[in-house]
């Protein structure tokens, strides 16, 4: 099992991640300032998606992940190690 602590520099990884307490639109996608679409924010909640790991910081236990579900310009999120699962090498 691959964990954030065991990632090897120079290799590519994908994962499932959760961004906590962000504005979501009616479709459950990041909304408000997180979106260019003119769809109102429906609620504050958690957004779960899949993406590619861009960077990690072992000291702060944070990881930058690029969302693979986004069309157009990729969005990146900073999440805690605890909010990342199913890490696989690509």
C-alpha atoms as a PDB file:
ATOM      1  CA  UNK A   1       0.000   0.000   0.000  1.00  0.00           C
ATOM      2  CA  UNK A   2       1.336   3.417  -0.977  1.00  0.00           C
ATOM      3  CA  UNK A   3       1.030   6.188   1.618  1.00  0.00           C
ATOM      4  CA  UNK A   4       1.919   9.902   1.331  1.00  0.00           C
ATOM      5  CA  UNK A   5       5.051   9.238   3.380  1.00  0.00           C
ATOM      6  CA  UNK A   6       6.283   6.473   1.035  1.00  0.00           C
ATOM      7  CA  UNK A   7       5.962   8.342  -2.295  1.00  0.00           C
ATOM      8  CA  UNK A   8       9.160   8.215  -4.335  1.00  0.00           C
ATOM      9  CA  UNK A   9      10.386  11.498  -5.869  1.00  0.00           C
ATOM     10  CA  UNK A  10      10.317  11.536  -9.676  1.00  0.00           C
ATOM     11  CA  UNK A  11       7.442   9.047 -10.011  1.00  0.00           C
ATOM     12  CA  UNK A  12       3.855   9.937 -10.926  1.00  0.00           C
ATOM     13  CA  UNK A  13       0.938   9.131  -8.644  1.00  0.00           C
ATOM     14  CA  UNK A  14      -2.830   9.491  -8.749  1.00  0.00           C
ATOM     15  CA  UNK A  15      -5.179   9.401  -5.794  1.00  0.00           C
ATOM     16  CA  UNK A  16      -8.641  10.052  -4.431  1.00  0.00           C
ATOM     17  CA  UNK A  17      -8.781  13.242  -2.374  1.00  0.00           C
ATOM     18  CA  UNK A  18     -11.317  15.223  -0.360  1.00  0.00           C
ATOM     19  CA  UNK A  19     -11.358  19.003   0.030  1.00  0.00           C
ATOM     20  CA  UNK A  20     -13.242  19.888   3.220  1.00  0.00           C
ATOM     21  CA  UNK A  21     -15.727  22.737   3.772  1.00  0.00           C
ATOM     22  CA  UNK A  22     -15.767  24.480   0.391  1.00  0.00           C
ATOM     23  CA  UNK A  23     -18.651  26.121  -1.505  1.00  0.00           C
ATOM     24  CA  UNK A  24     -20.442  23.636  -3.800  1.00  0.00           C
ATOM     25  CA  UNK A  25     -22.885  24.317  -6.641  1.00  0.00           C
ATOM     26  CA  UNK A  26     -26.110  22.390  -7.295  1.00  0.00           C
ATOM     27  CA  UNK A  27     -24.116  19.620  -9.020  1.00  0.00           C
ATOM     28  CA  UNK A  28     -21.749  19.121  -6.055  1.00  0.00           C
ATOM     29  CA  UNK A  29     -18.828  20.803  -7.842  1.00  0.00           C
ATOM     30  CA  UNK A  30     -16.652  23.538  -6.340  1.00  0.00           C
ATOM     31  CA  UNK A  31     -18.562  26.785  -6.816  1.00  0.00           C
ATOM     32  CA  UNK A  32     -18.405  30.460  -5.929  1.00  0.00           C
ATOM     33  CA  UNK A  33     -14.861  31.814  -6.220  1.00  0.00           C
ATOM     34  CA  UNK A  34     -13.708  28.259  -7.058  1.00  0.00           C
ATOM     35  CA  UNK A  35     -15.601  28.276 -10.387  1.00  0.00           C
ATOM     36  CA  UNK A  36     -15.948  30.359 -13.537  1.00  0.00           C
ATOM     37  CA  UNK A  37     -19.497  29.078 -14.128  1.00  0.00           C
ATOM     38  CA  UNK A  38     -22.408  31.339 -13.260  1.00  0.00           C
ATOM     39  CA  UNK A  39     -24.128  28.763 -11.054  1.00  0.00           C
ATOM     40  CA  UNK A  40     -25.110  29.758  -7.517  1.00  0.00           C
ATOM     41  CA  UNK A  41     -23.559  28.158  -4.466  1.00  0.00           C
ATOM     42  CA  UNK A  42     -26.016  25.717  -2.934  1.00  0.00           C
ATOM     43  CA  UNK A  43     -24.142  24.618   0.173  1.00  0.00           C
ATOM     44  CA  UNK A  44     -20.843  24.320   1.978  1.00  0.00           C
ATOM     45  CA  UNK A  45     -19.569  20.761   1.951  1.00  0.00           C
ATOM     46  CA  UNK A  46     -16.845  18.299   1.075  1.00  0.00           C
ATOM     47  CA  UNK A  47     -15.670  17.734  -2.517  1.00  0.00           C
ATOM     48  CA  UNK A  48     -14.200  14.325  -3.380  1.00  0.00           C
ATOM     49  CA  UNK A  49     -12.451  13.662  -6.672  1.00  0.00           C
ATOM     50  CA  UNK A  50      -9.502  11.913  -8.282  1.00  0.00           C
ATOM     51  CA  UNK A  51      -6.301  13.628  -9.303  1.00  0.00           C
ATOM     52  CA  UNK A  52      -2.570  13.629  -9.750  1.00  0.00           C
ATOM     53  CA  UNK A  53      -0.201  14.379  -6.897  1.00  0.00           C
ATOM     54  CA  UNK A  54       1.874  17.448  -7.760  1.00  0.00           C
ATOM     55  CA  UNK A  55       3.790  18.014  -4.517  1.00  0.00           C
ATOM     56  CA  UNK A  56       3.915  16.972  -0.887  1.00  0.00           C
ATOM     57  CA  UNK A  57       5.420  18.413   2.277  1.00  0.00           C
ATOM     58  CA  UNK A  58       6.415  15.871   4.896  1.00  0.00           C
ATOM     59  CA  UNK A  59       6.899  18.571   7.523  1.00  0.00           C
ATOM     60  CA  UNK A  60       3.367  20.058   7.323  1.00  0.00           C
ATOM     61  CA  UNK A  61       1.767  16.812   6.074  1.00  0.00           C
ATOM     62  CA  UNK A  62       0.102  18.647   3.188  1.00  0.00           C
ATOM     63  CA  UNK A  63      -0.138  17.622  -0.436  1.00  0.00           C
ATOM     64  CA  UNK A  64      -0.963  19.513  -3.654  1.00  0.00           C
ATOM     65  CA  UNK A  65      -3.273  17.570  -5.969  1.00  0.00           C
ATOM     66  CA  UNK A  66      -4.386  18.453  -9.513  1.00  0.00           C
ATOM     67  CA  UNK A  67      -8.054  17.562 -10.068  1.00  0.00           C
ATOM     68  CA  UNK A  68      -8.506  15.210 -13.050  1.00  0.00           C
ATOM     69  CA  UNK A  69     -12.282  15.765 -13.327  1.00  0.00           C
ATOM     70  CA  UNK A  70     -11.937  19.400 -14.439  1.00  0.00           C
ATOM     71  CA  UNK A  71     -12.301  20.332 -18.114  1.00  0.00           C
ATOM     72  CA  UNK A  72     -10.078  23.135 -19.374  1.00  0.00           C
ATOM     73  CA  UNK A  73      -7.511  24.679 -17.053  1.00  0.00           C
ATOM     74  CA  UNK A  74      -6.604  22.217 -14.272  1.00  0.00           C
ATOM     75  CA  UNK A  75      -7.474  23.139 -10.691  1.00  0.00           C
ATOM     76  CA  UNK A  76      -5.154  22.275  -7.859  1.00  0.00           C
ATOM     77  CA  UNK A  77      -6.033  21.852  -4.210  1.00  0.00           C
ATOM     78  CA  UNK A  78      -3.931  21.580  -1.065  1.00  0.00           C
ATOM     79  CA  UNK A  79      -5.162  18.785   1.182  1.00  0.00           C
ATOM     80  CA  UNK A  80      -4.019  17.038   4.348  1.00  0.00           C
ATOM     81  CA  UNK A  81      -2.387  13.616   4.104  1.00  0.00           C
ATOM     82  CA  UNK A  82      -5.386  12.239   6.024  1.00  0.00           C
ATOM     83  CA  UNK A  83      -7.716  13.419   3.218  1.00  0.00           C
ATOM     84  CA  UNK A  84      -5.900  11.412   0.509  1.00  0.00           C
ATOM     85  CA  UNK A  85      -6.500   7.721  -0.203  1.00  0.00           C
ATOM     86  CA  UNK A  86      -6.155   5.088  -2.938  1.00  0.00           C
ATOM     87  CA  UNK A  87      -2.709   6.260  -4.055  1.00  0.00           C
ATOM     88  CA  UNK A  88      -1.523   4.461  -7.191  1.00  0.00           C
ATOM     89  CA  UNK A  89       1.562   4.845  -9.337  1.00  0.00           C
ATOM     90  CA  UNK A  90       0.877   5.962 -12.944  1.00  0.00           C
END
